[in-house]
Amino acid sequence: MSFTTAVKAQIVKNHRQSESDTGSSEVQIALFSERIKYLTEHLKGHPRDFHTQHGLTKLVSKRRKLMRYLKGINVQRYQNIIKALDIRG
């Protein structure tokens, strides 16, 4: 599955807090998670693609920072997004 505009729109629709929400922490974390899954699959087929590997590392770091921020603001929302995205088994 590729990371297209339609996929992004569906993710935003599933994780938004209100009708006009496109940039809340939950939406951003969900978008980062989907992109991380996509890049991880790409790297399975192209293990020596170091530029993608570097980009993946940066995305994971950004997601971790956003999750730390969300946990500090509202623990319940943090737990909900972890459960919804099945992060941290």
C-alpha atoms as a PDB file:
ATOM      1  CA  MET A   1       0.000   0.000   0.000  1.00  0.00           C
ATOM      2  CA  SER A   2       1.375   3.376  -0.937  1.00  0.00           C
ATOM      3  CA  PHE A   3       1.120   6.550   1.101  1.00  0.00           C
ATOM      4  CA  THR A   4      -1.304   8.542  -1.084  1.00  0.00           C
ATOM      5  CA  THR A   5      -3.532  11.535  -0.469  1.00  0.00           C
ATOM      6  CA  ALA A   6      -6.537   9.245  -0.095  1.00  0.00           C
ATOM      7  CA  VAL A   7      -4.769   7.227   2.608  1.00  0.00           C
ATOM      8  CA  LYS A   8      -3.836  10.437   4.439  1.00  0.00           C
ATOM      9  CA  ALA A   9      -7.412  11.727   4.234  1.00  0.00           C
ATOM     10  CA  GLN A  10      -8.749   8.471   5.689  1.00  0.00           C
ATOM     11  CA  ILE A  11      -6.241   8.594   8.567  1.00  0.00           C
ATOM     12  CA  VAL A  12      -7.183  12.207   9.335  1.00  0.00           C
ATOM     13  CA  LYS A  13     -10.877  11.282   9.245  1.00  0.00           C
ATOM     14  CA  ASN A  14     -10.345   8.374  11.657  1.00  0.00           C
ATOM     15  CA  HIS A  15      -8.258  10.250  14.242  1.00  0.00           C
ATOM     16  CA  ARG A  16      -9.512  13.848  14.207  1.00  0.00           C
ATOM     17  CA  GLN A  17     -10.956  15.463  17.325  1.00  0.00           C
ATOM     18  CA  SER A  18     -13.418  17.718  15.497  1.00  0.00           C
ATOM     19  CA  GLU A  19     -14.768  18.209  11.989  1.00  0.00           C
ATOM     20  CA  SER A  20     -12.070  20.700  10.970  1.00  0.00           C
ATOM     21  CA  ASP A  21      -9.166  19.039  12.827  1.00  0.00           C
ATOM     22  CA  THR A  22      -6.226  18.169  10.589  1.00  0.00           C
ATOM     23  CA  GLY A  23      -3.240  18.876  12.812  1.00  0.00           C
ATOM     24  CA  SER A  24      -3.901  17.622  16.328  1.00  0.00           C
ATOM     25  CA  SER A  25      -1.280  15.470  17.990  1.00  0.00           C
ATOM     26  CA  GLU A  26      -3.344  12.326  17.413  1.00  0.00           C
ATOM     27  CA  VAL A  27      -3.640  13.004  13.692  1.00  0.00           C
ATOM     28  CA  GLN A  28       0.066  13.748  13.362  1.00  0.00           C
ATOM     29  CA  ILE A  29       1.034  10.621  15.313  1.00  0.00           C
ATOM     30  CA  ALA A  30      -1.272   8.497  13.148  1.00  0.00           C
ATOM     31  CA  LEU A  31       0.180   9.968   9.942  1.00  0.00           C
ATOM     32  CA  PHE A  32       3.742   9.418  11.172  1.00  0.00           C
ATOM     33  CA  SER A  33       2.872   5.837  12.141  1.00  0.00           C
ATOM     34  CA  GLU A  34       1.482   5.040   8.710  1.00  0.00           C
ATOM     35  CA  ARG A  35       4.522   6.565   7.017  1.00  0.00           C
ATOM     36  CA  ILE A  36       6.814   4.582   9.343  1.00  0.00           C
ATOM     37  CA  LYS A  37       5.024   1.352   8.372  1.00  0.00           C
ATOM     38  CA  TYR A  38       5.378   2.219   4.691  1.00  0.00           C
ATOM     39  CA  LEU A  39       9.092   3.002   4.959  1.00  0.00           C
ATOM     40  CA  THR A  40       9.739  -0.114   7.052  1.00  0.00           C
ATOM     41  CA  GLU A  41       8.197  -2.257   4.303  1.00  0.00           C
ATOM     42  CA  HIS A  42      10.308  -0.434   1.714  1.00  0.00           C
ATOM     43  CA  LEU A  43      13.477  -1.119   3.682  1.00  0.00           C
ATOM     44  CA  LYS A  44      12.696  -4.846   3.853  1.00  0.00           C
ATOM     45  CA  GLY A  45      13.068  -4.951   0.073  1.00  0.00           C
ATOM     46  CA  HIS A  46      15.885  -2.405  -0.124  1.00  0.00           C
ATOM     47  CA  PRO A  47      18.100  -2.950   2.936  1.00  0.00           C
ATOM     48  CA  ARG A  48      20.943  -0.757   1.683  1.00  0.00           C
ATOM     49  CA  ASP A  49      18.797   2.336   1.085  1.00  0.00           C
ATOM     50  CA  PHE A  50      20.528   4.477   3.681  1.00  0.00           C
ATOM     51  CA  HIS A  51      18.736   7.714   2.789  1.00  0.00           C
ATOM     52  CA  THR A  52      15.381   6.108   3.533  1.00  0.00           C
ATOM     53  CA  GLN A  53      16.827   4.614   6.703  1.00  0.00           C
ATOM     54  CA  HIS A  54      17.900   8.080   7.845  1.00  0.00           C
ATOM     55  CA  GLY A  55      14.438   9.518   7.057  1.00  0.00           C
ATOM     56  CA  LEU A  56      12.789   6.671   8.970  1.00  0.00           C
ATOM     57  CA  THR A  57      14.939   7.393  12.017  1.00  0.00           C
ATOM     58  CA  LYS A  58      13.920  11.065  11.897  1.00  0.00           C
ATOM     59  CA  LEU A  59      10.216  10.167  11.619  1.00  0.00           C
ATOM     60  CA  VAL A  60      10.413   7.814  14.596  1.00  0.00           C
ATOM     61  CA  SER A  61      12.075  10.575  16.607  1.00  0.00           C
ATOM     62  CA  LYS A  62       9.387  13.113  15.646  1.00  0.00           C
ATOM     63  CA  ARG A  63       6.634  10.661  16.591  1.00  0.00           C
ATOM     64  CA  ARG A  64       8.301   9.918  19.927  1.00  0.00           C
ATOM     65  CA  LYS A  65       8.502  13.657  20.720  1.00  0.00           C
ATOM     66  CA  LEU A  66       4.839  14.188  19.830  1.00  0.00           C
ATOM     67  CA  MET A  67       3.817  11.223  21.966  1.00  0.00           C
ATOM     68  CA  ARG A  68       5.830  12.548  24.907  1.00  0.00           C
ATOM     69  CA  TYR A  69       4.102  15.935  24.476  1.00  0.00           C
ATOM     70  CA  LEU A  70       0.654  14.329  24.325  1.00  0.00           C
ATOM     71  CA  LYS A  71       1.371  12.240  27.421  1.00  0.00           C
ATOM     72  CA  GLY A  72       2.277  15.405  29.321  1.00  0.00           C
ATOM     73  CA  ILE A  73      -0.863  17.216  28.190  1.00  0.00           C
ATOM     74  CA  ASN A  74      -3.480  14.461  28.478  1.00  0.00           C
ATOM     75  CA  VAL A  75      -2.667  10.886  29.514  1.00  0.00           C
ATOM     76  CA  GLN A  76      -6.074   9.547  28.450  1.00  0.00           C
ATOM     77  CA  ARG A  77      -5.669  10.804  24.862  1.00  0.00           C
ATOM     78  CA  TYR A  78      -2.139   9.351  24.862  1.00  0.00           C
ATOM     79  CA  GLN A  79      -3.410   5.922  25.938  1.00  0.00           C
ATOM     80  CA  ASN A  80      -6.241   6.059  23.386  1.00  0.00           C
ATOM     81  CA  ILE A  81      -3.883   6.753  20.472  1.00  0.00           C
ATOM     82  CA  ILE A  82      -1.494   3.993  21.569  1.00  0.00           C
ATOM     83  CA  LYS A  83      -4.386   1.537  21.715  1.00  0.00           C
ATOM     84  CA  ALA A  84      -5.874   2.699  18.400  1.00  0.00           C
ATOM     85  CA  LEU A  85      -2.587   2.427  16.516  1.00  0.00           C
ATOM     86  CA  ASP A  86      -1.342  -0.662  18.358  1.00  0.00           C
ATOM     87  CA  ILE A  87       1.958   0.989  19.278  1.00  0.00           C
ATOM     88  CA  ARG A  88       4.213  -0.460  21.989  1.00  0.00           C
ATOM     89  CA  GLY A  89       2.767  -3.976  22.077  1.00  0.00           C
END
